[in-house]
Amino acid sequence: MGLDFVLARQEHRYLATEVEKLDYFVGRLGLNHGHLPQRIYRSPYGRRTTTRYFVDKFPLFLSGASSAPSPVVWFCYVDGGTGKPSGFDTYLLQYRELFSRLDRFGIIHVAADKRMFPKAERIFRRLSGNGVEAVGVAKDPDIERLREHFRARDLFDRRETSSFDKSRLDRLREELNEIGGPQYEALYRQWREQGDYVLGDNPHSPGKGSGGFATYRLDHDYQLFGELGRKISA
């Protein structure tokens, strides 16, 4: 399920490995290791212990252009349950120490059963308190076109145009004439700061010191894997 989410949202900048996450949260943001979700493993043959971080391996990405100074950190909780969220409250409690030290963050509840989303939002609001925003994650052709335009313009503004051919440059010039005016200029500047979640499909990107809540429904049916797991365990 997590892989399906990543494949559907490849435009994001994912922190895929434990090393990448530690480099960002500890190396770049200067957080302490104790602020991160962790689990201690003990050797059965001695007193040796190993501490691992982000052991759930759920997708985690930064929303924003690569030049953005302060991207929004989005955490995905992949829920394989049906009818009601499974383990979501425990996940939020495990990450609460990290959330409290981020200027801006968001949670995306990923599931195949949309009936769980209202219940997951209530859990999020109950455990997060005030200052949270509920946003949706959807797809829209116009939004996708605007997103691609902003990415191309960002590369052009930073003079990283090695991947541009003549047709792409011509298309960018046409779009600059078509997508112009103060409204788009302000939206472009905001996008460079906060990323894709300022666009129309995500109008309430979390502000400084707050957390955002979003949902994403997977189109596939994963019931086979649940039944297969039960057969194996039996």
Protein backbone atom coordinates (compact mmCIF):
# COMPACT_ATOMS: atom_id res chain seq x y z
CA MET A 1 0.00 0.00 0.00
CA GLY A 2 2.83 2.37 0.80
CA LEU A 3 4.49 1.58 -2.52
CA ASP A 4 1.26 2.27 -4.39
CA PHE A 5 1.03 5.68 -2.73
CA VAL A 6 4.62 6.53 -3.70
CA LEU A 7 4.08 5.41 -7.29
CA ALA A 8 0.97 7.58 -7.53
CA ARG A 9 2.70 10.64 -6.05
CA GLN A 10 6.17 10.53 -7.55
CA GLU A 11 6.45 14.31 -7.67
CA HIS A 12 7.36 14.48 -3.98
CA ARG A 13 10.85 14.51 -2.45
CA TYR A 14 10.81 11.38 -0.30
CA LEU A 15 13.12 10.58 2.57
CA ALA A 16 13.17 6.88 1.83
CA THR A 17 15.78 5.43 4.19
CA GLU A 18 16.60 5.71 7.87
CA VAL A 19 19.87 7.44 6.97
CA GLU A 20 18.09 10.08 4.85
CA LYS A 21 15.61 10.79 7.65
CA LEU A 22 18.37 11.11 10.27
CA ASP A 23 20.36 13.38 7.97
CA TYR A 24 17.36 15.67 7.59
CA PHE A 25 15.92 15.78 11.10
CA VAL A 26 19.20 15.58 13.02
CA GLY A 27 21.73 16.90 10.51
CA ARG A 28 19.71 19.70 8.91
CA LEU A 29 17.10 20.61 11.52
CA GLY A 30 19.37 19.97 14.50
CA LEU A 31 16.93 17.79 16.44
CA ASN A 32 18.05 15.36 19.09
CA HIS A 33 17.86 11.62 18.39
CA GLY A 34 15.62 11.33 21.43
CA HIS A 35 12.95 13.39 19.65
CA LEU A 36 12.56 10.79 16.90
CA PRO A 37 10.31 7.70 16.91
CA GLN A 38 12.55 4.79 17.82
CA ARG A 39 12.69 1.22 18.96
CA ILE A 40 15.42 -0.51 20.95
CA TYR A 41 16.34 -4.07 19.99
CA ARG A 42 18.21 -6.28 22.45
CA SER A 43 20.41 -9.17 21.52
CA PRO A 44 19.12 -12.51 22.88
CA TYR A 45 22.72 -13.64 23.46
CA GLY A 46 24.11 -10.66 25.37
CA ARG A 47 23.61 -7.14 26.65
CA ARG A 48 24.09 -5.46 23.31
CA THR A 49 21.31 -3.14 22.13
CA THR A 50 20.57 -1.45 18.81
CA THR A 51 18.37 1.61 18.37
CA ARG A 52 16.49 1.96 15.09
CA TYR A 53 14.47 4.95 13.94
CA PHE A 54 11.30 5.22 11.85
CA VAL A 55 10.87 1.45 11.91
CA ASP A 56 7.36 1.62 10.41
CA LYS A 57 8.97 2.68 7.07
CA PHE A 58 5.86 4.61 6.02
CA PRO A 59 6.36 7.18 3.23
CA LEU A 60 7.69 10.53 4.41
CA PHE A 61 8.29 13.44 2.08
CA LEU A 62 9.10 17.14 1.88
CA SER A 63 6.59 19.32 0.10
CA GLY A 64 8.13 22.19 -1.80
CA ALA A 65 10.55 23.17 -4.51
CA SER A 66 14.11 22.03 -3.98
CA SER A 67 15.06 25.65 -3.35
CA ALA A 68 12.42 26.13 -0.63
CA PRO A 69 14.11 27.11 2.66
CA SER A 70 11.46 25.56 4.93
CA PRO A 71 9.45 22.76 3.32
CA VAL A 72 6.43 21.17 4.94
CA VAL A 73 7.18 17.68 6.24
CA TRP A 74 4.39 15.22 5.40
CA PHE A 75 4.09 11.90 7.21
CA CYS A 76 1.99 9.11 5.70
CA TYR A 77 0.21 6.59 7.87
CA VAL A 78 -0.67 3.56 5.75
CA ASP A 79 -3.73 1.92 7.27
CA GLY A 80 -4.62 -1.59 6.18
CA GLY A 81 -7.75 -1.79 8.30
CA THR A 82 -11.37 -1.63 7.18
CA GLY A 83 -14.27 0.15 8.82
CA LYS A 84 -12.20 1.91 11.47
CA PRO A 85 -8.57 3.09 11.72
CA SER A 86 -6.10 0.53 12.99
CA GLY A 87 -3.22 1.71 15.17
CA PHE A 88 -3.46 5.35 14.05
CA ASP A 89 -3.66 6.71 17.60
CA THR A 90 -0.56 4.73 18.62
CA TYR A 91 1.31 6.08 15.60
CA LEU A 92 0.46 9.69 16.49
CA LEU A 93 1.60 9.20 20.08
CA GLN A 94 4.90 7.68 18.91
CA TYR A 95 5.55 10.66 16.65
CA ARG A 96 4.19 13.36 18.97
CA GLU A 97 7.63 14.33 20.26
CA LEU A 98 8.86 14.93 16.70
CA PHE A 99 5.70 16.76 15.62
CA SER A 100 6.02 19.20 18.51
CA ARG A 101 9.43 20.32 17.26
CA LEU A 102 8.51 20.97 13.64
CA ASP A 103 7.39 24.38 12.41
CA ARG A 104 5.08 22.85 9.82
CA PHE A 105 4.02 19.29 9.26
CA GLY A 106 1.14 17.26 7.91
CA ILE A 107 -0.32 13.78 8.30
CA ILE A 108 -1.81 11.87 5.38
CA HIS A 109 -4.02 8.96 6.33
CA VAL A 110 -3.64 6.48 3.46
CA ALA A 111 -6.24 3.74 3.15
CA ALA A 112 -8.35 1.80 0.68
CA ASP A 113 -11.55 2.19 2.73
CA LYS A 114 -12.74 5.80 2.69
CA ARG A 115 -15.15 5.10 5.55
CA MET A 116 -12.18 5.37 7.92
CA PHE A 117 -11.26 8.95 7.02
CA PRO A 118 -13.76 10.82 9.26
CA LYS A 119 -12.81 8.61 12.18
CA ALA A 120 -9.09 9.10 11.51
CA GLU A 121 -9.58 12.87 11.43
CA ARG A 122 -11.34 12.80 14.79
CA ILE A 123 -8.44 10.82 16.27
CA PHE A 124 -5.97 13.31 14.81
CA ARG A 125 -7.85 16.31 16.20
CA ARG A 126 -8.25 14.71 19.61
CA LEU A 127 -4.55 13.92 19.96
CA SER A 128 -3.22 17.05 18.23
CA GLY A 129 -5.37 19.65 19.93
CA ASN A 130 -6.07 23.00 18.30
CA GLY A 131 -4.35 24.55 15.32
CA VAL A 132 -4.86 21.69 12.88
CA GLU A 133 -6.16 21.89 9.37
CA ALA A 134 -8.14 19.26 7.46
CA VAL A 135 -7.20 19.07 3.80
CA GLY A 136 -7.92 16.65 0.99
CA VAL A 137 -5.53 15.12 -1.51
CA ALA A 138 -7.10 14.89 -4.93
CA LYS A 139 -6.14 15.01 -8.56
CA ASP A 140 -7.23 17.67 -11.02
CA PRO A 141 -5.95 18.17 -14.60
CA ASP A 142 -5.70 21.96 -14.20
CA ILE A 143 -3.84 21.60 -10.92
CA GLU A 144 -1.45 19.10 -12.49
CA ARG A 145 -0.77 21.52 -15.35
CA LEU A 146 -0.11 24.40 -12.96
CA ARG A 147 2.15 22.21 -10.84
CA GLU A 148 4.22 21.20 -13.89
CA HIS A 149 4.46 24.85 -14.96
CA PHE A 150 5.72 25.92 -11.55
CA ARG A 151 8.33 23.16 -11.56
CA ALA A 152 9.58 24.15 -14.99
CA ARG A 153 9.67 27.81 -14.03
CA ASP A 154 11.52 27.03 -10.83
CA LEU A 155 14.20 25.18 -12.79
CA PHE A 156 14.40 28.04 -15.29
CA ASP A 157 14.74 30.67 -12.56
CA ARG A 158 17.57 28.68 -10.98
CA ARG A 159 19.23 28.26 -14.42
CA GLU A 160 18.97 24.47 -14.22
CA THR A 161 17.80 24.02 -17.79
CA SER A 162 20.00 21.15 -18.99
CA SER A 163 16.89 18.97 -19.43
CA PHE A 164 15.06 21.63 -21.48
CA ASP A 165 14.72 21.26 -25.23
CA LYS A 166 13.33 23.87 -27.61
CA SER A 167 9.75 22.63 -27.35
CA ARG A 168 9.80 22.81 -23.56
CA LEU A 169 11.24 26.33 -23.63
CA ASP A 170 8.59 27.40 -26.14
CA ARG A 171 5.87 25.87 -23.97
CA LEU A 172 7.21 27.68 -20.90
CA ARG A 173 7.15 31.02 -22.74
CA GLU A 174 3.56 30.41 -23.83
CA GLU A 175 2.54 29.50 -20.31
CA LEU A 176 4.21 32.61 -18.88
CA ASN A 177 2.00 34.70 -21.15
CA GLU A 178 -1.08 32.66 -20.33
CA ILE A 179 -0.50 32.08 -16.61
CA GLY A 180 0.41 35.58 -15.52
CA GLY A 181 -0.73 38.37 -13.30
CA PRO A 182 -0.33 39.19 -9.60
CA GLN A 183 -2.48 36.25 -8.46
CA TYR A 184 -0.27 33.63 -10.13
CA GLU A 185 2.91 35.44 -9.13
CA ALA A 186 1.86 35.34 -5.48
CA LEU A 187 0.85 31.68 -5.77
CA TYR A 188 4.19 30.82 -7.41
CA ARG A 189 6.16 32.50 -4.61
CA GLN A 190 4.07 30.68 -2.02
CA TRP A 191 4.57 27.39 -3.87
CA ARG A 192 8.36 27.86 -3.79
CA GLU A 193 8.13 28.29 -0.05
CA GLN A 194 5.60 25.58 0.86
CA GLY A 195 5.30 23.25 -2.10
CA ASP A 196 2.46 21.46 -3.87
CA TYR A 197 0.08 21.65 -0.93
CA VAL A 198 -0.63 25.35 -1.53
CA LEU A 199 -2.31 24.52 -4.83
CA GLY A 200 -6.01 24.09 -5.39
CA ASP A 201 -6.15 20.42 -4.41
CA ASN A 202 -4.63 21.25 -1.03
CA PRO A 203 -5.76 24.79 -0.18
CA HIS A 204 -4.91 24.68 3.51
CA SER A 205 -1.23 23.90 3.78
CA PRO A 206 -0.33 23.95 7.48
CA GLY A 207 1.04 27.21 8.78
CA LYS A 208 3.96 27.72 11.11
CA GLY A 209 3.62 25.72 14.30
CA SER A 210 0.58 23.75 13.16
CA GLY A 211 -0.20 20.35 11.71
CA GLY A 212 -2.31 19.51 8.70
CA PHE A 213 -4.45 16.44 8.17
CA ALA A 214 -5.11 14.94 4.73
CA THR A 215 -6.51 11.72 3.35
CA TYR A 216 -5.61 9.63 0.34
CA ARG A 217 -7.70 6.72 -0.90
CA LEU A 218 -5.95 3.92 -2.75
CA ASP A 219 -7.86 2.51 -5.70
CA HIS A 220 -6.79 -1.11 -5.25
CA ASP A 221 -8.38 -3.89 -3.22
CA TYR A 222 -5.94 -5.36 -0.68
CA GLN A 223 -8.29 -7.87 0.90
CA LEU A 224 -6.41 -10.73 -0.76
CA PHE A 225 -3.30 -9.98 1.27
CA GLY A 226 -5.24 -9.96 4.52
CA GLU A 227 -6.84 -13.33 3.81
CA LEU A 228 -3.54 -14.74 2.62
CA GLY A 229 -1.88 -13.62 5.85
CA ARG A 230 -4.56 -15.30 7.91
CA LYS A 231 -4.13 -18.56 5.97
CA ILE A 232 -0.37 -18.51 6.48
CA SER A 233 -0.64 -17.77 10.20
CA ALA A 234 -3.20 -20.57 10.58
